[in-house]
N, C-alpha and C. Protein backbone atom coordinates (compact mmCIF):
# COMPACT_ATOMS: atom_id res chain seq x y z
N MET A 1 81.28 122.97 103.39
CA MET A 1 80.85 123.86 101.89
C MET A 1 79.09 123.71 102.53
N TRP A 2 78.70 122.88 103.73
CA TRP A 2 77.77 123.23 104.70
C TRP A 2 77.81 124.60 105.22
N GLU A 3 78.95 125.19 105.65
CA GLU A 3 78.75 126.42 106.00
C GLU A 3 78.39 127.45 105.05
N TRP A 4 78.50 127.25 103.63
CA TRP A 4 78.57 128.32 102.93
C TRP A 4 77.17 128.21 102.85
N ARG A 5 76.14 126.99 102.37
CA ARG A 5 75.06 127.43 102.52
C ARG A 5 74.01 128.06 103.56
N VAL A 6 74.55 127.95 105.16
CA VAL A 6 74.48 128.22 106.10
C VAL A 6 74.05 130.13 105.61
N LEU A 7 75.75 130.64 105.44
CA LEU A 7 76.30 131.58 104.98
C LEU A 7 75.19 132.00 103.91
N GLN A 8 75.01 131.70 103.22
CA GLN A 8 73.88 132.20 101.66
C GLN A 8 72.35 132.45 102.59
N HIS A 9 71.93 131.52 103.29
CA HIS A 9 70.74 131.55 103.86
C HIS A 9 70.97 132.81 104.71
N LEU A 10 71.94 133.39 105.47
CA LEU A 10 72.06 134.62 106.36
C LEU A 10 72.46 135.35 105.77
N ARG A 11 72.40 135.65 104.08
CA ARG A 11 72.75 136.85 103.41
C ARG A 11 72.35 138.10 104.15
N PRO A 12 70.80 138.11 104.53
CA PRO A 12 70.25 139.28 104.98
C PRO A 12 71.00 140.41 105.97
N LEU A 13 72.07 139.58 106.69
CA LEU A 13 72.23 139.73 107.75
C LEU A 13 74.04 139.81 107.41
N TRP A 14 74.56 139.78 106.43
CA TRP A 14 75.93 140.33 106.21
C TRP A 14 75.98 141.46 106.34
N GLY A 15 77.17 142.02 106.98
CA GLY A 15 77.65 143.18 107.85
C GLY A 15 76.79 143.55 108.65
N LYS A 16 75.60 143.08 108.75
CA LYS A 16 74.83 143.92 110.47
C LYS A 16 75.15 142.82 111.79
N CYS A 17 75.11 141.77 111.60
CA CYS A 17 75.54 140.61 112.94
C CYS A 17 76.40 139.24 112.25
N VAL A 18 76.66 139.69 111.02
CA VAL A 18 77.04 138.14 110.27
C VAL A 18 77.87 138.77 109.37
N PRO A 19 79.38 138.23 109.26
CA PRO A 19 80.38 139.36 108.73
C PRO A 19 80.23 138.65 107.30
N ALA A 20 80.28 140.02 106.26
CA ALA A 20 80.13 139.94 104.69
C ALA A 20 81.20 138.43 103.77
N ILE A 21 80.64 137.92 103.18
CA ILE A 21 80.91 137.23 102.16
C ILE A 21 81.72 137.76 100.57
N TYR A 22 82.98 137.62 100.92
CA TYR A 22 83.31 137.80 99.54
C TYR A 22 83.59 136.88 98.58
N ALA A 23 83.82 135.44 98.55
CA ALA A 23 83.93 134.54 97.83
C ALA A 23 83.92 133.55 98.40
N HIS A 24 83.63 132.05 97.84
CA HIS A 24 83.63 131.15 98.38
C HIS A 24 84.14 129.93 96.97
N GLY A 25 84.72 128.86 97.53
CA GLY A 25 84.86 127.75 96.28
C GLY A 25 86.31 126.51 97.02
N LEU A 26 85.99 125.75 95.35
CA LEU A 26 87.36 124.71 96.23
C LEU A 26 89.17 125.50 96.09
N MET A 27 89.47 125.26 97.01
CA MET A 27 91.08 125.79 96.28
C MET A 27 91.23 125.14 95.18
N GLU A 28 91.95 125.45 94.68
CA GLU A 28 92.64 125.27 93.58
C GLU A 28 93.90 123.92 93.89
N ASP A 29 93.50 122.65 92.75
CA ASP A 29 94.14 121.62 93.18
C ASP A 29 94.48 120.76 94.56
N GLU A 30 93.50 121.00 95.38
CA GLU A 30 93.07 120.81 96.86
C GLU A 30 91.72 120.28 97.12
N ASP A 31 91.64 119.70 97.76
CA ASP A 31 90.11 119.09 98.33
C ASP A 31 89.54 120.17 99.74
N GLU A 32 89.76 120.81 99.36
CA GLU A 32 89.60 122.30 100.79
C GLU A 32 88.52 122.82 100.40
N TYR A 33 87.52 123.42 101.02
CA TYR A 33 87.09 124.37 100.84
C TYR A 33 87.04 125.45 101.18
N PHE A 34 86.96 126.96 100.69
CA PHE A 34 87.11 128.03 101.43
C PHE A 34 86.14 129.13 101.27
N ILE A 35 85.92 129.73 102.07
CA ILE A 35 85.31 130.72 102.60
C ILE A 35 85.94 132.28 102.63
N ALA A 36 86.11 133.04 101.94
CA ALA A 36 86.41 134.81 102.33
C ALA A 36 85.45 135.68 102.69
N MET A 37 85.43 135.90 103.99
CA MET A 37 84.99 137.06 104.34
C MET A 37 85.41 138.41 105.10
N ALA A 38 84.18 138.97 104.99
CA ALA A 38 85.23 140.71 105.96
C ALA A 38 85.94 140.16 106.80
N ARG A 39 87.04 140.99 106.93
CA ARG A 39 87.86 140.74 108.45
C ARG A 39 87.31 141.77 109.18
N LEU A 40 87.04 141.02 110.01
CA LEU A 40 85.80 141.45 111.11
C LEU A 40 87.20 142.68 112.35
N LYS A 41 86.85 143.94 112.63
CA LYS A 41 88.15 144.82 113.25
C LYS A 41 87.26 144.67 115.02
N GLY A 42 88.03 144.17 115.63
CA GLY A 42 87.47 144.39 116.67
C GLY A 42 87.59 143.18 117.86
N ARG A 43 87.30 142.90 118.72
CA ARG A 43 87.61 141.92 119.58
C ARG A 43 86.61 141.06 120.37
N PRO A 44 87.23 139.68 120.52
CA PRO A 44 86.31 138.73 120.31
C PRO A 44 85.52 138.97 121.94
N LEU A 45 84.30 138.86 122.12
CA LEU A 45 84.08 139.21 123.70
C LEU A 45 84.75 138.08 124.46
N CYS A 46 85.80 137.28 124.33
CA CYS A 46 85.98 136.48 125.72
C CYS A 46 87.30 137.13 125.52
N ASP A 47 88.01 137.99 124.86
CA ASP A 47 88.99 138.27 125.09
C ASP A 47 89.05 140.30 126.12
N LEU A 48 87.29 140.23 126.42
CA LEU A 48 86.90 141.57 127.18
C LEU A 48 87.06 141.41 128.54
N PRO A 49 87.03 142.54 128.85
CA PRO A 49 86.96 142.89 130.34
C PRO A 49 85.49 141.79 131.15
N GLN A 50 85.52 141.07 131.99
CA GLN A 50 84.27 140.46 132.32
C GLN A 50 84.00 141.18 134.12
N PRO A 51 82.92 141.29 133.99
CA PRO A 51 81.27 141.60 133.27
C PRO A 51 81.41 142.25 132.04
N LEU A 52 81.00 141.88 130.99
CA LEU A 52 80.83 142.69 129.84
C LEU A 52 79.97 143.58 130.37
N PRO A 53 79.49 144.90 129.30
CA PRO A 53 79.03 146.11 129.62
C PRO A 53 77.36 145.65 129.32
N ILE A 54 76.57 145.93 129.98
CA ILE A 54 75.00 145.33 129.55
C ILE A 54 74.74 145.92 128.04
N ALA A 55 75.19 147.06 127.54
CA ALA A 55 74.83 146.68 125.78
C ALA A 55 75.56 145.95 125.19
N VAL A 56 76.67 146.05 125.35
CA VAL A 56 77.43 144.42 124.52
C VAL A 56 76.62 143.43 124.88
N GLN A 57 76.58 142.89 126.07
CA GLN A 57 75.76 141.77 126.36
C GLN A 57 73.87 141.67 125.14
N GLN A 58 73.83 142.74 125.50
CA GLN A 58 72.63 142.66 124.56
C GLN A 58 72.33 143.26 122.88
N ALA A 59 73.80 143.92 122.90
CA ALA A 59 74.18 143.49 121.11
C ALA A 59 74.43 141.87 120.70
N ALA A 60 75.09 141.83 121.68
CA ALA A 60 75.02 139.68 121.31
C ALA A 60 74.27 138.91 121.00
N VAL A 61 73.14 139.11 122.70
CA VAL A 61 71.39 138.17 122.35
C VAL A 61 71.36 139.07 120.98
N ARG A 62 71.09 140.31 120.60
CA ARG A 62 70.36 140.71 119.29
C ARG A 62 70.62 139.85 118.08
N ALA A 63 72.41 139.95 118.40
CA ALA A 63 73.16 139.33 116.91
C ALA A 63 72.45 138.14 116.76
N LEU A 64 72.16 136.50 118.01
CA LEU A 64 71.60 135.92 117.76
C LEU A 64 70.44 135.77 117.67
N ASP A 65 69.56 136.58 117.93
CA ASP A 65 68.32 136.54 117.64
C ASP A 65 68.04 136.55 116.11
N GLU A 66 68.67 137.36 116.01
CA GLU A 66 68.66 137.55 114.40
C GLU A 66 69.01 136.66 113.48
N VAL A 67 69.94 135.98 113.97
CA VAL A 67 70.08 134.22 113.07
C VAL A 67 69.13 132.98 113.58
N HIS A 68 68.68 133.70 115.19
CA HIS A 68 67.85 132.71 115.17
C HIS A 68 66.54 132.60 114.46
N ALA A 69 66.13 134.26 113.95
CA ALA A 69 64.68 134.65 113.46
C ALA A 69 64.76 134.00 111.97
N ARG A 70 66.02 133.43 111.33
CA ARG A 70 65.81 133.03 109.79
C ARG A 70 66.40 131.31 110.50
N ASN A 71 65.54 130.99 111.68
CA ASN A 71 65.70 129.66 111.44
C ASN A 71 66.94 128.69 111.34
N VAL A 72 67.98 129.38 112.11
CA VAL A 72 69.31 129.23 111.82
C VAL A 72 70.12 128.86 113.33
N LEU A 73 70.56 127.70 113.66
CA LEU A 73 71.28 127.28 114.78
C LEU A 73 72.48 127.56 115.00
N HIS A 74 73.45 128.59 115.79
CA HIS A 74 74.50 127.99 115.40
C HIS A 74 75.40 126.98 115.36
N GLY A 75 75.07 126.56 116.79
CA GLY A 75 75.54 125.03 116.79
C GLY A 75 76.61 125.56 117.83
N ASP A 76 77.20 126.23 117.86
CA ASP A 76 78.72 126.33 118.69
C ASP A 76 78.85 127.76 119.72
N ILE A 77 77.70 127.56 120.58
CA ILE A 77 77.98 128.99 121.19
C ILE A 77 78.78 129.04 122.10
N SER A 78 79.72 130.01 122.08
CA SER A 78 80.83 130.66 122.82
C SER A 78 81.11 132.49 122.43
N LEU A 79 81.83 132.50 123.53
CA LEU A 79 82.41 134.22 123.64
C LEU A 79 83.10 134.15 122.41
N ASP A 80 84.29 133.25 122.18
CA ASP A 80 85.23 133.33 120.75
C ASP A 80 84.72 133.51 119.84
N HIS A 81 82.68 133.01 119.53
CA HIS A 81 82.47 133.68 118.11
C HIS A 81 81.68 134.85 117.99
N PHE A 82 82.05 135.44 119.02
CA PHE A 82 81.46 136.96 119.04
C PHE A 82 82.33 137.93 119.36
N MET A 83 82.03 138.90 118.36
CA MET A 83 82.99 139.82 117.88
C MET A 83 82.47 141.26 118.09
N LEU A 84 83.02 142.03 119.30
CA LEU A 84 82.31 143.52 119.27
C LEU A 84 83.27 144.10 118.48
N VAL A 85 82.63 144.75 117.22
CA VAL A 85 83.24 145.46 116.43
C VAL A 85 83.20 146.74 116.01
N SER A 86 82.03 147.81 116.89
CA SER A 86 81.98 148.69 117.40
C SER A 86 81.29 148.95 118.58
N GLU A 87 82.35 150.15 119.08
CA GLU A 87 81.81 150.38 120.81
C GLU A 87 81.13 150.94 120.63
N GLY A 88 80.63 152.04 122.12
CA GLY A 88 80.03 153.01 121.62
C GLY A 88 78.53 152.83 122.65
N PRO A 89 77.22 153.94 122.94
CA PRO A 89 76.17 153.55 123.04
C PRO A 89 75.37 152.67 122.70
N SER A 90 75.72 152.44 121.21
CA SER A 90 74.81 151.60 120.87
C SER A 90 76.04 150.27 119.70
N PRO A 91 76.48 149.66 120.57
CA PRO A 91 77.85 148.33 120.09
C PRO A 91 76.88 147.55 119.38
N VAL A 92 77.94 147.07 118.90
CA VAL A 92 77.49 146.51 117.17
C VAL A 92 78.48 144.92 117.20
N VAL A 93 77.50 144.00 117.85
CA VAL A 93 78.45 142.40 117.87
C VAL A 93 77.97 141.91 116.44
N MET A 94 79.19 140.96 115.74
CA MET A 94 78.89 139.84 114.88
C MET A 94 79.06 138.77 115.45
N LEU A 95 78.47 137.22 114.84
CA LEU A 95 78.80 136.55 115.21
C LEU A 95 79.16 135.60 114.27
N TYR A 96 80.27 134.95 114.27
CA TYR A 96 80.89 133.97 113.30
C TYR A 96 81.33 132.32 113.80
N ASP A 97 81.51 131.99 112.61
CA ASP A 97 82.05 130.74 112.44
C ASP A 97 80.38 129.37 112.73
N PHE A 98 80.64 129.33 111.28
CA PHE A 98 79.17 128.92 111.28
C PHE A 98 79.55 127.35 110.93
N GLY A 99 80.65 126.64 111.60
CA GLY A 99 80.78 125.45 111.02
C GLY A 99 80.07 123.85 111.59
N ARG A 100 79.31 124.30 112.55
CA ARG A 100 78.34 123.56 113.08
C ARG A 100 77.09 123.71 113.37
N SER A 101 76.64 124.81 112.33
CA SER A 101 75.18 125.33 112.48
C SER A 101 74.32 124.53 111.91
N MET A 102 73.00 124.77 111.77
CA MET A 102 71.63 123.98 111.32
C MET A 102 70.79 124.72 110.84
N LEU A 103 70.36 124.44 109.66
CA LEU A 103 68.82 125.29 109.20
C LEU A 103 67.62 124.22 109.33
N GLY A 104 66.72 125.38 109.84
CA GLY A 104 65.70 124.41 110.16
C GLY A 104 65.20 124.30 111.73
N ALA A 105 66.02 124.99 112.19
CA ALA A 105 66.23 124.96 113.99
C ALA A 105 64.72 125.31 114.54
N SER A 106 64.38 124.44 115.09
CA SER A 106 63.22 124.88 115.93
C SER A 106 63.17 125.85 116.90
N ASP A 107 62.04 126.31 117.50
CA ASP A 107 61.91 127.39 118.48
C ASP A 107 62.65 126.96 119.91
N VAL A 108 62.52 125.68 119.91
CA VAL A 108 63.55 124.99 121.32
C VAL A 108 64.53 124.94 121.06
N GLN A 109 65.16 124.13 120.10
CA GLN A 109 66.78 125.00 119.82
C GLN A 109 66.85 125.83 120.14
N CYS A 110 66.17 127.31 119.39
CA CYS A 110 66.85 128.60 119.51
C CYS A 110 66.84 128.64 121.16
N GLY A 111 66.09 128.75 121.64
CA GLY A 111 65.57 129.02 122.74
C GLY A 111 66.83 128.35 124.18
N ALA A 112 67.05 127.34 123.96
CA ALA A 112 68.05 126.65 124.24
C ALA A 112 69.38 127.36 124.31
N GLU A 113 69.67 127.59 122.88
CA GLU A 113 71.14 128.45 122.54
C GLU A 113 70.89 129.72 122.95
N ARG A 114 70.17 130.25 123.22
CA ARG A 114 69.73 131.77 123.69
C ARG A 114 70.41 131.18 125.15
N ARG A 115 69.54 131.02 125.52
CA ARG A 115 70.09 130.64 127.42
C ARG A 115 71.42 129.85 127.46
N GLN A 116 72.08 129.02 126.68
CA GLN A 116 73.32 129.51 126.25
C GLN A 116 74.53 130.43 126.67
N LEU A 117 73.84 131.18 125.53
CA LEU A 117 75.00 132.76 125.67
C LEU A 117 74.31 133.28 127.14
N LEU A 118 73.16 133.03 127.30
CA LEU A 118 72.88 134.79 128.45
C LEU A 118 73.45 133.93 129.53
N GLU A 119 74.25 132.38 129.50
CA GLU A 119 74.71 132.55 130.45
C GLU A 119 76.32 132.51 130.53
N LEU A 120 77.13 132.07 129.58
CA LEU A 120 78.00 132.90 129.29
C LEU A 120 78.40 134.33 129.54
N LEU A 121 77.02 135.02 129.39
CA LEU A 121 77.34 136.64 129.43
C LEU A 121 77.24 137.12 130.98
């Protein structure tokens, strides 16, 4: 349920650098929470040949910066959680899996997470 709260906070980014959310709630007859999001067509950055093109690296950093601009810390930076959904001269990268995220992140925390991404790229 926490992930839904974070994603709701990130609503202005849905479809831009965070997947759009279609539904959420409790599974019938179960104690499991679900979030139904747009299917991302693309490939995780970890599955792409390394080193990544500079434009793709920049798109990944932009996606993370957009999330940080809303004071959200992703909490689990890995190239597995960045999906290249559009290639070309202006690639689009989406960030997903906010299960370990945090609202109210400080500039120091966001800076550390950004440096972590830069090291992976």
